[in-house]
N, C-alpha and C. Protein backbone atom coordinates (compact mmCIF):
# COMPACT_ATOMS: atom_id res chain seq x y z
N MET A 1 -7.25 -21.52 -33.72
CA MET A 1 -6.89 -21.34 -32.30
C MET A 1 -7.40 -19.98 -31.82
N GLN A 2 -8.05 -19.98 -30.67
CA GLN A 2 -8.64 -18.75 -30.16
C GLN A 2 -7.56 -17.80 -29.67
N GLU A 3 -7.66 -16.53 -30.09
CA GLU A 3 -6.68 -15.54 -29.69
C GLU A 3 -6.87 -15.17 -28.21
N ARG A 4 -5.75 -15.09 -27.51
CA ARG A 4 -5.81 -14.76 -26.08
C ARG A 4 -6.15 -13.29 -25.90
N ARG A 5 -7.10 -13.01 -25.03
CA ARG A 5 -7.55 -11.63 -24.82
C ARG A 5 -6.47 -10.81 -24.14
N GLN A 6 -6.25 -9.58 -24.63
CA GLN A 6 -5.34 -8.64 -24.00
C GLN A 6 -6.15 -7.68 -23.14
N PHE A 7 -5.80 -7.62 -21.87
CA PHE A 7 -6.56 -6.79 -20.94
C PHE A 7 -6.02 -5.36 -20.96
N SER A 8 -6.92 -4.39 -21.01
CA SER A 8 -6.54 -2.98 -21.01
C SER A 8 -6.20 -2.54 -19.59
N LEU A 9 -5.63 -1.33 -19.50
CA LEU A 9 -5.33 -0.76 -18.19
C LEU A 9 -6.60 -0.64 -17.36
N LEU A 10 -7.71 -0.23 -18.01
CA LEU A 10 -8.98 -0.09 -17.29
C LEU A 10 -9.46 -1.44 -16.78
N ASP A 11 -9.29 -2.49 -17.60
CA ASP A 11 -9.65 -3.85 -17.17
C ASP A 11 -8.87 -4.23 -15.91
N ARG A 12 -7.58 -3.96 -15.94
CA ARG A 12 -6.72 -4.34 -14.80
C ARG A 12 -7.08 -3.53 -13.56
N CYS A 13 -7.44 -2.26 -13.76
CA CYS A 13 -7.84 -1.43 -12.61
C CYS A 13 -9.12 -1.97 -11.95
N PHE A 14 -10.10 -2.34 -12.79
CA PHE A 14 -11.34 -2.91 -12.25
C PHE A 14 -11.08 -4.25 -11.57
N ASP A 15 -10.15 -5.04 -12.14
CA ASP A 15 -9.81 -6.32 -11.54
C ASP A 15 -9.20 -6.11 -10.16
N GLN A 16 -8.31 -5.11 -10.04
CA GLN A 16 -7.69 -4.82 -8.75
C GLN A 16 -8.72 -4.32 -7.74
N LEU A 17 -9.65 -3.48 -8.20
CA LEU A 17 -10.69 -3.00 -7.30
C LEU A 17 -11.55 -4.14 -6.80
N ASN A 18 -11.90 -5.05 -7.69
CA ASN A 18 -12.70 -6.22 -7.31
C ASN A 18 -11.96 -7.08 -6.31
N GLN A 19 -10.64 -7.28 -6.55
CA GLN A 19 -9.85 -8.09 -5.62
C GLN A 19 -9.76 -7.41 -4.26
N ALA A 20 -9.58 -6.09 -4.26
CA ALA A 20 -9.50 -5.36 -3.00
C ALA A 20 -10.79 -5.53 -2.20
N LEU A 21 -11.92 -5.42 -2.87
CA LEU A 21 -13.21 -5.57 -2.18
C LEU A 21 -13.40 -7.00 -1.68
N ASP A 22 -13.00 -7.98 -2.50
CA ASP A 22 -13.11 -9.38 -2.07
C ASP A 22 -12.32 -9.61 -0.80
N VAL A 23 -11.07 -9.15 -0.80
CA VAL A 23 -10.17 -9.41 0.32
C VAL A 23 -10.60 -8.67 1.58
N THR A 24 -11.01 -7.41 1.42
CA THR A 24 -11.32 -6.59 2.60
C THR A 24 -12.73 -6.76 3.11
N LEU A 25 -13.63 -7.30 2.29
CA LEU A 25 -15.03 -7.48 2.72
C LEU A 25 -15.35 -8.93 3.04
N GLY A 26 -14.32 -9.77 3.13
CA GLY A 26 -14.54 -11.14 3.56
C GLY A 26 -15.01 -12.09 2.49
N ARG A 27 -14.83 -11.72 1.20
CA ARG A 27 -15.25 -12.61 0.12
C ARG A 27 -14.06 -13.43 -0.40
N THR A 28 -13.20 -13.83 0.53
CA THR A 28 -12.00 -14.58 0.17
C THR A 28 -12.38 -16.00 -0.26
N PRO A 29 -11.78 -16.51 -1.35
CA PRO A 29 -12.05 -17.90 -1.74
C PRO A 29 -11.67 -18.87 -0.62
N ALA A 30 -12.31 -20.03 -0.60
CA ALA A 30 -11.98 -21.05 0.40
C ALA A 30 -10.53 -21.49 0.24
N ALA A 31 -9.92 -21.86 1.35
CA ALA A 31 -8.52 -22.32 1.32
C ALA A 31 -8.39 -23.57 0.47
N GLN A 32 -7.28 -23.67 -0.25
CA GLN A 32 -7.04 -24.83 -1.09
C GLN A 32 -6.45 -25.99 -0.29
N ARG A 33 -5.78 -25.65 0.80
CA ARG A 33 -5.16 -26.68 1.64
C ARG A 33 -6.02 -26.95 2.87
N PRO A 34 -5.85 -28.11 3.51
CA PRO A 34 -6.63 -28.41 4.72
C PRO A 34 -6.37 -27.39 5.82
N TYR A 35 -7.37 -27.15 6.63
CA TYR A 35 -7.28 -26.24 7.76
C TYR A 35 -6.29 -26.81 8.77
N PRO A 36 -5.19 -26.12 9.08
CA PRO A 36 -4.18 -26.66 10.00
C PRO A 36 -4.71 -26.98 11.39
N ALA A 37 -5.76 -26.27 11.81
CA ALA A 37 -6.30 -26.44 13.16
C ALA A 37 -7.21 -27.65 13.30
N GLU A 38 -7.51 -28.32 12.18
CA GLU A 38 -8.42 -29.47 12.23
C GLU A 38 -7.90 -30.52 13.20
N GLY A 39 -8.77 -30.93 14.15
CA GLY A 39 -8.40 -31.96 15.11
C GLY A 39 -7.67 -31.44 16.34
N GLU A 40 -7.30 -30.14 16.34
CA GLU A 40 -6.62 -29.55 17.49
C GLU A 40 -7.65 -28.95 18.45
N SER A 41 -7.23 -28.69 19.68
CA SER A 41 -8.15 -28.15 20.70
C SER A 41 -7.71 -26.75 21.12
N ARG A 42 -8.63 -26.06 21.79
CA ARG A 42 -8.36 -24.72 22.31
C ARG A 42 -8.94 -24.66 23.72
N PRO A 43 -8.21 -24.10 24.68
CA PRO A 43 -8.75 -24.01 26.05
C PRO A 43 -9.88 -23.00 26.14
N GLU A 44 -10.63 -23.06 27.21
CA GLU A 44 -11.67 -22.07 27.46
C GLU A 44 -11.00 -20.80 27.99
N TYR A 45 -10.96 -19.78 27.16
CA TYR A 45 -10.34 -18.52 27.55
C TYR A 45 -11.32 -17.65 28.32
N ASP A 46 -10.81 -16.88 29.29
CA ASP A 46 -11.66 -15.84 29.86
C ASP A 46 -11.71 -14.69 28.86
N GLU A 47 -12.52 -13.69 29.12
CA GLU A 47 -12.77 -12.64 28.13
C GLU A 47 -11.49 -11.88 27.76
N ALA A 48 -10.66 -11.57 28.75
CA ALA A 48 -9.42 -10.84 28.46
C ALA A 48 -8.48 -11.68 27.59
N GLN A 49 -8.36 -12.97 27.92
CA GLN A 49 -7.50 -13.85 27.13
C GLN A 49 -8.03 -14.01 25.71
N ARG A 50 -9.37 -14.19 25.61
CA ARG A 50 -9.97 -14.35 24.28
C ARG A 50 -9.70 -13.12 23.42
N ARG A 51 -9.88 -11.93 23.99
CA ARG A 51 -9.66 -10.71 23.22
C ARG A 51 -8.20 -10.57 22.80
N HIS A 52 -7.30 -11.01 23.67
CA HIS A 52 -5.87 -10.91 23.33
C HIS A 52 -5.51 -11.83 22.16
N ILE A 53 -5.93 -13.09 22.23
CA ILE A 53 -5.63 -14.03 21.14
C ILE A 53 -6.30 -13.58 19.85
N ALA A 54 -7.54 -13.08 19.96
CA ALA A 54 -8.23 -12.56 18.78
C ALA A 54 -7.48 -11.36 18.21
N GLY A 55 -6.94 -10.52 19.09
CA GLY A 55 -6.15 -9.37 18.63
C GLY A 55 -4.93 -9.80 17.85
N LEU A 56 -4.26 -10.85 18.31
CA LEU A 56 -3.09 -11.37 17.59
C LEU A 56 -3.50 -11.89 16.21
N MET A 57 -4.61 -12.62 16.15
CA MET A 57 -5.05 -13.16 14.87
C MET A 57 -5.62 -12.08 13.96
N ARG A 58 -6.14 -11.00 14.54
CA ARG A 58 -6.58 -9.87 13.73
C ARG A 58 -5.36 -9.20 13.07
N ILE A 59 -4.27 -9.10 13.80
CA ILE A 59 -3.02 -8.60 13.22
C ILE A 59 -2.60 -9.48 12.06
N ASN A 60 -2.65 -10.79 12.27
CA ASN A 60 -2.23 -11.72 11.22
C ASN A 60 -3.14 -11.64 9.99
N HIS A 61 -4.43 -11.50 10.23
CA HIS A 61 -5.37 -11.35 9.12
C HIS A 61 -5.08 -10.06 8.35
N ALA A 62 -4.85 -8.96 9.07
CA ALA A 62 -4.51 -7.69 8.42
C ALA A 62 -3.21 -7.83 7.62
N GLY A 63 -2.26 -8.58 8.17
CA GLY A 63 -1.01 -8.81 7.46
C GLY A 63 -1.23 -9.56 6.15
N GLU A 64 -2.18 -10.48 6.15
CA GLU A 64 -2.47 -11.23 4.93
C GLU A 64 -3.22 -10.37 3.91
N VAL A 65 -4.04 -9.44 4.38
CA VAL A 65 -4.65 -8.46 3.47
C VAL A 65 -3.54 -7.65 2.79
N CYS A 66 -2.57 -7.22 3.61
CA CYS A 66 -1.42 -6.48 3.07
C CYS A 66 -0.64 -7.32 2.07
N ALA A 67 -0.47 -8.60 2.38
CA ALA A 67 0.30 -9.48 1.49
C ALA A 67 -0.37 -9.59 0.12
N GLN A 68 -1.69 -9.74 0.10
CA GLN A 68 -2.40 -9.84 -1.17
C GLN A 68 -2.20 -8.58 -2.00
N ALA A 69 -2.31 -7.42 -1.35
CA ALA A 69 -2.14 -6.15 -2.07
C ALA A 69 -0.70 -5.96 -2.52
N LEU A 70 0.23 -6.30 -1.65
CA LEU A 70 1.65 -6.14 -1.96
C LEU A 70 2.05 -6.99 -3.17
N TYR A 71 1.67 -8.25 -3.13
CA TYR A 71 2.01 -9.14 -4.25
C TYR A 71 1.36 -8.68 -5.55
N SER A 72 0.12 -8.20 -5.46
CA SER A 72 -0.56 -7.73 -6.67
C SER A 72 0.16 -6.53 -7.26
N GLY A 73 0.54 -5.58 -6.40
CA GLY A 73 1.27 -4.41 -6.88
C GLY A 73 2.62 -4.77 -7.46
N GLN A 74 3.33 -5.69 -6.80
CA GLN A 74 4.63 -6.12 -7.29
C GLN A 74 4.51 -6.85 -8.62
N ALA A 75 3.49 -7.68 -8.77
CA ALA A 75 3.31 -8.44 -10.01
C ALA A 75 3.00 -7.51 -11.18
N ILE A 76 2.19 -6.47 -10.93
CA ILE A 76 1.80 -5.55 -12.00
C ILE A 76 3.00 -4.79 -12.56
N THR A 77 3.92 -4.39 -11.69
CA THR A 77 5.04 -3.56 -12.15
C THR A 77 6.33 -4.35 -12.35
N ALA A 78 6.32 -5.65 -12.04
CA ALA A 78 7.52 -6.47 -12.28
C ALA A 78 7.82 -6.52 -13.77
N ARG A 79 9.10 -6.55 -14.13
CA ARG A 79 9.48 -6.52 -15.53
C ARG A 79 9.65 -7.92 -16.12
N SER A 80 10.04 -8.85 -15.30
CA SER A 80 10.28 -10.21 -15.79
C SER A 80 9.01 -11.05 -15.63
N PRO A 81 8.62 -11.79 -16.67
CA PRO A 81 7.46 -12.69 -16.55
C PRO A 81 7.65 -13.72 -15.45
N GLU A 82 8.89 -14.16 -15.22
CA GLU A 82 9.16 -15.14 -14.17
C GLU A 82 8.87 -14.56 -12.79
N VAL A 83 9.24 -13.29 -12.60
CA VAL A 83 8.96 -12.64 -11.32
C VAL A 83 7.46 -12.43 -11.14
N GLN A 84 6.77 -12.07 -12.21
CA GLN A 84 5.32 -11.93 -12.14
C GLN A 84 4.65 -13.22 -11.72
N VAL A 85 5.10 -14.33 -12.31
CA VAL A 85 4.54 -15.64 -11.97
C VAL A 85 4.82 -15.97 -10.51
N ALA A 86 6.05 -15.69 -10.04
CA ALA A 86 6.42 -15.98 -8.65
C ALA A 86 5.56 -15.19 -7.68
N MET A 87 5.33 -13.90 -7.99
CA MET A 87 4.50 -13.06 -7.12
C MET A 87 3.06 -13.57 -7.08
N ASN A 88 2.53 -13.90 -8.25
CA ASN A 88 1.16 -14.39 -8.31
C ASN A 88 1.00 -15.72 -7.58
N GLN A 89 2.00 -16.60 -7.70
CA GLN A 89 1.94 -17.89 -7.02
C GLN A 89 1.97 -17.72 -5.51
N ALA A 90 2.85 -16.82 -5.04
CA ALA A 90 2.92 -16.56 -3.60
C ALA A 90 1.59 -16.00 -3.09
N ALA A 91 0.96 -15.12 -3.88
CA ALA A 91 -0.32 -14.54 -3.49
C ALA A 91 -1.39 -15.61 -3.36
N VAL A 92 -1.40 -16.57 -4.30
CA VAL A 92 -2.38 -17.67 -4.25
C VAL A 92 -2.18 -18.49 -2.97
N GLU A 93 -0.93 -18.81 -2.66
CA GLU A 93 -0.65 -19.61 -1.46
C GLU A 93 -1.07 -18.86 -0.20
N GLU A 94 -0.88 -17.53 -0.20
CA GLU A 94 -1.21 -16.77 1.00
C GLU A 94 -2.70 -16.52 1.14
N LEU A 95 -3.48 -16.80 0.10
CA LEU A 95 -4.93 -16.75 0.26
C LEU A 95 -5.39 -17.77 1.30
N ASP A 96 -4.67 -18.90 1.39
CA ASP A 96 -4.98 -19.88 2.43
C ASP A 96 -4.84 -19.24 3.81
N HIS A 97 -3.76 -18.46 4.00
CA HIS A 97 -3.54 -17.81 5.29
C HIS A 97 -4.70 -16.88 5.63
N LEU A 98 -5.15 -16.14 4.63
CA LEU A 98 -6.25 -15.19 4.84
C LEU A 98 -7.51 -15.94 5.29
N ALA A 99 -7.81 -17.05 4.61
CA ALA A 99 -8.99 -17.84 4.97
C ALA A 99 -8.84 -18.45 6.36
N TRP A 100 -7.64 -18.97 6.67
CA TRP A 100 -7.43 -19.59 7.98
C TRP A 100 -7.57 -18.58 9.11
N CYS A 101 -7.00 -17.38 8.92
CA CYS A 101 -7.11 -16.35 9.96
C CYS A 101 -8.56 -15.93 10.16
N ALA A 102 -9.30 -15.81 9.06
CA ALA A 102 -10.73 -15.45 9.16
C ALA A 102 -11.50 -16.52 9.91
N ASP A 103 -11.21 -17.80 9.62
CA ASP A 103 -11.89 -18.90 10.32
C ASP A 103 -11.56 -18.89 11.81
N CYS A 104 -10.29 -18.62 12.12
CA CYS A 104 -9.86 -18.60 13.53
C CYS A 104 -10.56 -17.46 14.28
N LEU A 105 -10.64 -16.29 13.65
CA LEU A 105 -11.33 -15.17 14.28
C LEU A 105 -12.80 -15.49 14.53
N ALA A 106 -13.43 -16.16 13.58
CA ALA A 106 -14.84 -16.54 13.76
C ALA A 106 -14.98 -17.51 14.94
N GLU A 107 -14.05 -18.45 15.06
CA GLU A 107 -14.08 -19.38 16.19
C GLU A 107 -13.93 -18.65 17.52
N LEU A 108 -13.18 -17.56 17.51
CA LEU A 108 -12.96 -16.77 18.72
C LEU A 108 -14.05 -15.71 18.92
N ASN A 109 -15.11 -15.79 18.09
CA ASN A 109 -16.21 -14.83 18.16
C ASN A 109 -15.72 -13.39 18.04
N ASP A 110 -14.84 -13.19 17.05
CA ASP A 110 -14.29 -11.85 16.84
C ASP A 110 -14.30 -11.54 15.35
N ARG A 111 -13.66 -10.45 14.96
CA ARG A 111 -13.77 -9.93 13.59
C ARG A 111 -12.41 -9.49 13.07
N PRO A 112 -12.28 -9.39 11.74
CA PRO A 112 -11.07 -8.81 11.15
C PRO A 112 -10.97 -7.31 11.43
N SER A 113 -9.85 -6.73 11.08
CA SER A 113 -9.65 -5.28 11.24
C SER A 113 -10.65 -4.50 10.39
N ARG A 114 -11.12 -3.39 10.94
CA ARG A 114 -12.04 -2.51 10.20
C ARG A 114 -11.29 -1.62 9.20
N LEU A 115 -9.97 -1.70 9.22
CA LEU A 115 -9.15 -0.83 8.38
C LEU A 115 -8.64 -1.55 7.14
N GLY A 116 -9.38 -2.58 6.71
CA GLY A 116 -8.91 -3.42 5.62
C GLY A 116 -8.60 -2.67 4.34
N LEU A 117 -9.46 -1.74 3.93
CA LEU A 117 -9.21 -0.99 2.69
C LEU A 117 -7.97 -0.13 2.81
N PHE A 118 -7.73 0.40 4.00
CA PHE A 118 -6.52 1.19 4.24
C PHE A 118 -5.28 0.32 4.12
N TRP A 119 -5.32 -0.87 4.74
CA TRP A 119 -4.17 -1.79 4.64
C TRP A 119 -3.92 -2.18 3.18
N TYR A 120 -4.99 -2.46 2.47
CA TYR A 120 -4.84 -2.91 1.09
C TYR A 120 -4.28 -1.79 0.21
N GLY A 121 -4.86 -0.61 0.32
CA GLY A 121 -4.42 0.49 -0.54
C GLY A 121 -2.97 0.86 -0.32
N GLY A 122 -2.55 0.97 0.94
CA GLY A 122 -1.17 1.33 1.23
C GLY A 122 -0.19 0.28 0.76
N SER A 123 -0.53 -0.98 0.96
CA SER A 123 0.37 -2.07 0.56
C SER A 123 0.44 -2.21 -0.95
N PHE A 124 -0.68 -2.00 -1.63
CA PHE A 124 -0.68 -2.07 -3.09
C PHE A 124 0.25 -0.99 -3.67
N PHE A 125 0.19 0.20 -3.11
CA PHE A 125 1.07 1.28 -3.57
C PHE A 125 2.54 0.91 -3.36
N LEU A 126 2.87 0.38 -2.17
CA LEU A 126 4.25 -0.02 -1.90
C LEU A 126 4.70 -1.11 -2.86
N GLY A 127 3.82 -2.06 -3.15
CA GLY A 127 4.16 -3.13 -4.08
C GLY A 127 4.44 -2.60 -5.47
N CYS A 128 3.63 -1.64 -5.93
CA CYS A 128 3.86 -1.04 -7.25
C CYS A 128 5.20 -0.33 -7.30
N VAL A 129 5.53 0.39 -6.24
CA VAL A 129 6.81 1.11 -6.19
C VAL A 129 7.97 0.12 -6.21
N ALA A 130 7.88 -0.94 -5.39
CA ALA A 130 8.95 -1.93 -5.32
C ALA A 130 9.17 -2.58 -6.69
N GLY A 131 8.09 -2.92 -7.37
CA GLY A 131 8.21 -3.55 -8.67
C GLY A 131 8.79 -2.61 -9.72
N ALA A 132 8.42 -1.33 -9.64
CA ALA A 132 8.88 -0.36 -10.63
C ALA A 132 10.38 -0.09 -10.51
N ILE A 133 10.94 -0.25 -9.33
CA ILE A 133 12.37 0.02 -9.12
C ILE A 133 13.23 -0.99 -9.87
N GLY A 134 12.75 -2.22 -10.00
CA GLY A 134 13.52 -3.25 -10.68
C GLY A 134 13.32 -4.60 -10.03
N ASP A 135 13.49 -5.67 -10.81
CA ASP A 135 13.15 -7.00 -10.33
C ASP A 135 13.99 -7.45 -9.13
N ARG A 136 15.29 -7.18 -9.14
CA ARG A 136 16.13 -7.62 -8.03
C ARG A 136 15.72 -6.92 -6.73
N TRP A 137 15.38 -5.63 -6.82
CA TRP A 137 14.95 -4.91 -5.63
C TRP A 137 13.54 -5.32 -5.23
N ASN A 138 12.73 -5.63 -6.23
CA ASN A 138 11.39 -6.14 -5.99
C ASN A 138 11.46 -7.43 -5.16
N LEU A 139 12.32 -8.33 -5.60
CA LEU A 139 12.51 -9.60 -4.89
C LEU A 139 13.14 -9.36 -3.52
N GLY A 140 14.04 -8.38 -3.44
CA GLY A 140 14.65 -8.06 -2.15
C GLY A 140 13.63 -7.55 -1.15
N PHE A 141 12.70 -6.74 -1.63
CA PHE A 141 11.62 -6.24 -0.77
C PHE A 141 10.74 -7.39 -0.30
N LEU A 142 10.47 -8.32 -1.22
CA LEU A 142 9.67 -9.49 -0.86
C LEU A 142 10.38 -10.33 0.19
N GLU A 143 11.67 -10.59 -0.03
CA GLU A 143 12.41 -11.42 0.93
C GLU A 143 12.42 -10.78 2.31
N GLU A 144 12.73 -9.47 2.37
CA GLU A 144 12.78 -8.79 3.67
C GLU A 144 11.42 -8.79 4.35
N THR A 145 10.36 -8.57 3.57
CA THR A 145 9.00 -8.59 4.14
C THR A 145 8.71 -9.94 4.77
N GLU A 146 9.03 -11.01 4.04
CA GLU A 146 8.73 -12.35 4.54
C GLU A 146 9.58 -12.71 5.75
N ARG A 147 10.84 -12.27 5.77
CA ARG A 147 11.70 -12.53 6.94
C ARG A 147 11.13 -11.83 8.17
N GLN A 148 10.67 -10.60 8.00
CA GLN A 148 10.10 -9.87 9.13
C GLN A 148 8.80 -10.50 9.60
N VAL A 149 7.97 -10.96 8.65
CA VAL A 149 6.72 -11.63 9.02
C VAL A 149 7.02 -12.94 9.75
N GLU A 150 8.01 -13.67 9.28
CA GLU A 150 8.40 -14.93 9.94
C GLU A 150 8.79 -14.66 11.39
N ALA A 151 9.59 -13.61 11.62
CA ALA A 151 10.00 -13.26 12.99
C ALA A 151 8.79 -12.83 13.83
N HIS A 152 7.89 -12.09 13.23
CA HIS A 152 6.68 -11.64 13.92
C HIS A 152 5.82 -12.83 14.34
N LEU A 153 5.68 -13.83 13.46
CA LEU A 153 4.89 -15.02 13.79
C LEU A 153 5.57 -15.84 14.89
N ALA A 154 6.89 -15.88 14.87
CA ALA A 154 7.63 -16.57 15.94
C ALA A 154 7.34 -15.91 17.29
N HIS A 155 7.25 -14.60 17.30
CA HIS A 155 6.91 -13.88 18.54
C HIS A 155 5.49 -14.22 19.00
N HIS A 156 4.58 -14.32 18.06
CA HIS A 156 3.20 -14.70 18.41
C HIS A 156 3.16 -16.09 19.02
N LEU A 157 3.96 -17.01 18.49
CA LEU A 157 3.98 -18.37 19.03
C LEU A 157 4.47 -18.39 20.48
N GLU A 158 5.32 -17.44 20.83
CA GLU A 158 5.75 -17.34 22.22
C GLU A 158 4.63 -16.85 23.12
N ASP A 159 3.67 -16.14 22.52
CA ASP A 159 2.59 -15.51 23.29
C ASP A 159 1.34 -16.37 23.37
N ILE A 160 1.18 -17.29 22.42
CA ILE A 160 -0.01 -18.15 22.40
C ILE A 160 0.22 -19.37 23.28
N PRO A 161 -0.66 -19.65 24.24
CA PRO A 161 -0.45 -20.79 25.15
C PRO A 161 -0.28 -22.12 24.40
N GLN A 162 0.58 -22.97 24.95
CA GLN A 162 0.81 -24.29 24.35
C GLN A 162 -0.49 -25.08 24.25
N ALA A 163 -1.41 -24.85 25.20
CA ALA A 163 -2.66 -25.59 25.21
C ALA A 163 -3.58 -25.22 24.05
N ASP A 164 -3.32 -24.07 23.42
CA ASP A 164 -4.15 -23.63 22.30
C ASP A 164 -3.59 -24.19 21.00
N GLY A 165 -3.82 -25.48 20.80
CA GLY A 165 -3.30 -26.14 19.61
C GLY A 165 -3.91 -25.63 18.32
N ARG A 166 -5.15 -25.16 18.38
CA ARG A 166 -5.82 -24.70 17.16
C ARG A 166 -5.14 -23.44 16.60
N THR A 167 -4.98 -22.45 17.45
CA THR A 167 -4.36 -21.20 16.99
C THR A 167 -2.90 -21.42 16.63
N ARG A 168 -2.19 -22.19 17.44
CA ARG A 168 -0.77 -22.42 17.19
C ARG A 168 -0.55 -23.15 15.86
N ALA A 169 -1.40 -24.10 15.53
CA ALA A 169 -1.23 -24.86 14.29
C ALA A 169 -1.31 -23.94 13.07
N ILE A 170 -2.23 -22.98 13.11
CA ILE A 170 -2.37 -22.03 12.01
C ILE A 170 -1.12 -21.16 11.90
N VAL A 171 -0.70 -20.60 13.01
CA VAL A 171 0.45 -19.69 12.99
C VAL A 171 1.73 -20.44 12.59
N GLU A 172 1.88 -21.66 13.06
CA GLU A 172 3.07 -22.44 12.71
C GLU A 172 3.14 -22.72 11.21
N GLN A 173 2.00 -23.07 10.60
CA GLN A 173 2.01 -23.32 9.15
C GLN A 173 2.26 -22.04 8.37
N MET A 174 1.70 -20.94 8.83
CA MET A 174 1.95 -19.66 8.18
C MET A 174 3.44 -19.33 8.23
N LYS A 175 4.06 -19.57 9.37
CA LYS A 175 5.49 -19.28 9.54
C LYS A 175 6.33 -20.11 8.55
N ILE A 176 5.98 -21.37 8.38
CA ILE A 176 6.68 -22.24 7.43
C ILE A 176 6.55 -21.67 6.01
N ASP A 177 5.35 -21.26 5.65
CA ASP A 177 5.11 -20.74 4.30
C ASP A 177 5.87 -19.44 4.06
N GLU A 178 5.90 -18.56 5.07
CA GLU A 178 6.60 -17.28 4.90
C GLU A 178 8.09 -17.53 4.68
N ALA A 179 8.65 -18.47 5.41
CA ALA A 179 10.07 -18.80 5.22
C ALA A 179 10.31 -19.33 3.81
N HIS A 180 9.38 -20.12 3.31
CA HIS A 180 9.50 -20.66 1.95
C HIS A 180 9.46 -19.54 0.92
N HIS A 181 8.58 -18.57 1.09
CA HIS A 181 8.48 -17.46 0.14
C HIS A 181 9.73 -16.59 0.18
N ALA A 182 10.27 -16.38 1.38
CA ALA A 182 11.51 -15.61 1.49
C ALA A 182 12.65 -16.31 0.77
N GLN A 183 12.74 -17.63 0.93
CA GLN A 183 13.80 -18.39 0.27
C GLN A 183 13.61 -18.39 -1.25
N MET A 184 12.36 -18.44 -1.67
CA MET A 184 12.06 -18.37 -3.10
C MET A 184 12.60 -17.08 -3.70
N ALA A 185 12.37 -15.96 -2.99
CA ALA A 185 12.85 -14.67 -3.47
C ALA A 185 14.38 -14.63 -3.50
N ALA A 186 15.00 -15.17 -2.45
CA ALA A 186 16.47 -15.19 -2.40
C ALA A 186 17.04 -16.01 -3.54
N ASP A 187 16.46 -17.17 -3.79
CA ASP A 187 16.94 -18.05 -4.86
C ASP A 187 16.75 -17.42 -6.24
N ALA A 188 15.76 -16.54 -6.37
CA ALA A 188 15.47 -15.90 -7.66
C ALA A 188 16.37 -14.69 -7.92
N GLY A 189 17.24 -14.35 -6.94
CA GLY A 189 18.19 -13.26 -7.16
C GLY A 189 17.87 -11.97 -6.43
N ALA A 190 17.22 -12.07 -5.27
CA ALA A 190 16.86 -10.86 -4.52
C ALA A 190 18.10 -10.07 -4.12
N ALA A 191 17.99 -8.75 -4.26
CA ALA A 191 19.06 -7.86 -3.81
C ALA A 191 18.88 -7.58 -2.32
N LYS A 192 20.00 -7.38 -1.62
CA LYS A 192 19.93 -7.04 -0.20
C LYS A 192 19.60 -5.56 -0.06
N LEU A 193 18.53 -5.27 0.67
CA LEU A 193 18.10 -3.89 0.82
C LEU A 193 19.07 -3.12 1.71
N PRO A 194 19.33 -1.83 1.40
CA PRO A 194 20.19 -1.01 2.28
C PRO A 194 19.57 -0.87 3.66
N ASN A 195 20.43 -0.73 4.67
CA ASN A 195 19.99 -0.79 6.07
C ASN A 195 18.80 0.09 6.45
N PRO A 196 18.70 1.33 5.99
CA PRO A 196 17.55 2.13 6.44
C PRO A 196 16.20 1.54 6.02
N VAL A 197 16.15 0.81 4.91
CA VAL A 197 14.88 0.31 4.40
C VAL A 197 14.26 -0.74 5.33
N PRO A 198 15.00 -1.81 5.71
CA PRO A 198 14.41 -2.78 6.64
C PRO A 198 13.98 -2.15 7.96
N ASN A 199 14.77 -1.17 8.44
CA ASN A 199 14.40 -0.51 9.70
C ASN A 199 13.09 0.26 9.54
N LEU A 200 12.94 0.96 8.42
CA LEU A 200 11.71 1.70 8.17
C LEU A 200 10.53 0.75 8.01
N MET A 201 10.75 -0.39 7.35
CA MET A 201 9.70 -1.39 7.21
C MET A 201 9.25 -1.91 8.57
N ALA A 202 10.22 -2.16 9.47
CA ALA A 202 9.90 -2.67 10.80
C ALA A 202 9.10 -1.66 11.61
N ILE A 203 9.47 -0.38 11.51
CA ILE A 203 8.75 0.67 12.23
C ILE A 203 7.32 0.79 11.72
N THR A 204 7.16 0.75 10.39
CA THR A 204 5.83 0.82 9.79
C THR A 204 4.97 -0.36 10.22
N ALA A 205 5.57 -1.57 10.22
CA ALA A 205 4.84 -2.77 10.62
C ALA A 205 4.42 -2.70 12.09
N LYS A 206 5.27 -2.11 12.92
CA LYS A 206 4.93 -1.98 14.34
C LYS A 206 3.69 -1.12 14.54
N GLY A 207 3.61 -0.02 13.79
CA GLY A 207 2.43 0.84 13.86
C GLY A 207 1.18 0.14 13.36
N MET A 208 1.34 -0.61 12.26
CA MET A 208 0.21 -1.35 11.70
C MET A 208 -0.31 -2.37 12.69
N LYS A 209 0.60 -3.09 13.35
CA LYS A 209 0.18 -4.12 14.30
C LYS A 209 -0.57 -3.51 15.49
N ALA A 210 -0.09 -2.35 15.95
CA ALA A 210 -0.77 -1.71 17.08
C ALA A 210 -2.19 -1.31 16.72
N LEU A 211 -2.39 -0.81 15.49
CA LEU A 211 -3.73 -0.42 15.05
C LEU A 211 -4.62 -1.63 14.82
N ALA A 212 -4.06 -2.64 14.13
CA ALA A 212 -4.87 -3.82 13.79
C ALA A 212 -5.29 -4.59 15.04
N TYR A 213 -4.45 -4.60 16.06
CA TYR A 213 -4.78 -5.32 17.30
C TYR A 213 -6.09 -4.78 17.90
N ARG A 214 -6.29 -3.46 17.81
CA ARG A 214 -7.47 -2.83 18.42
C ARG A 214 -8.60 -2.59 17.44
N PHE A 215 -8.25 -2.27 16.21
CA PHE A 215 -9.28 -1.87 15.24
C PHE A 215 -9.35 -2.81 14.05
């Protein structure tokens, strides 16, 4: 029986660097699930409307870059193999979101955020810290993140016209998935974060969204 290779710290560092470049430079693997927007229509937007919808989807794409980095950092420092598997599985599922947002931006003749490496690096650091604190807090951070993202996507759905079935279908499926990941973390024993932490997370996310919308 062939012995399973043990990866060194240097191996893992290079793997993370490669993943960061893949995610931030648009080398994301194709989505595993069907494109939610398939068969849906989008109205003819004027330039201001097009830029606004593209700005919303650029925020969502940046959020998915953050999610990939966050899950990777959390998985690396998680203590329980079960938590590591859960983080890695969530990251795989959210790769679909990254691909869908990129496709939507291309349809809107726009681009992802230019600050991708910044989003990835900051989120990876936060993920490592969350995982190092302990598995219950790690899961609690994941649950709170997903709850906030779910609320953020609900707000976007209020802003996207009903006639834009293509964009709405993507955001709606993402919202369903985020709720599922939050529930997964809760079921796995997530600890409730103390009040200042969710508030700080929300403030940080607000700044990120303002930057990603424009840049």
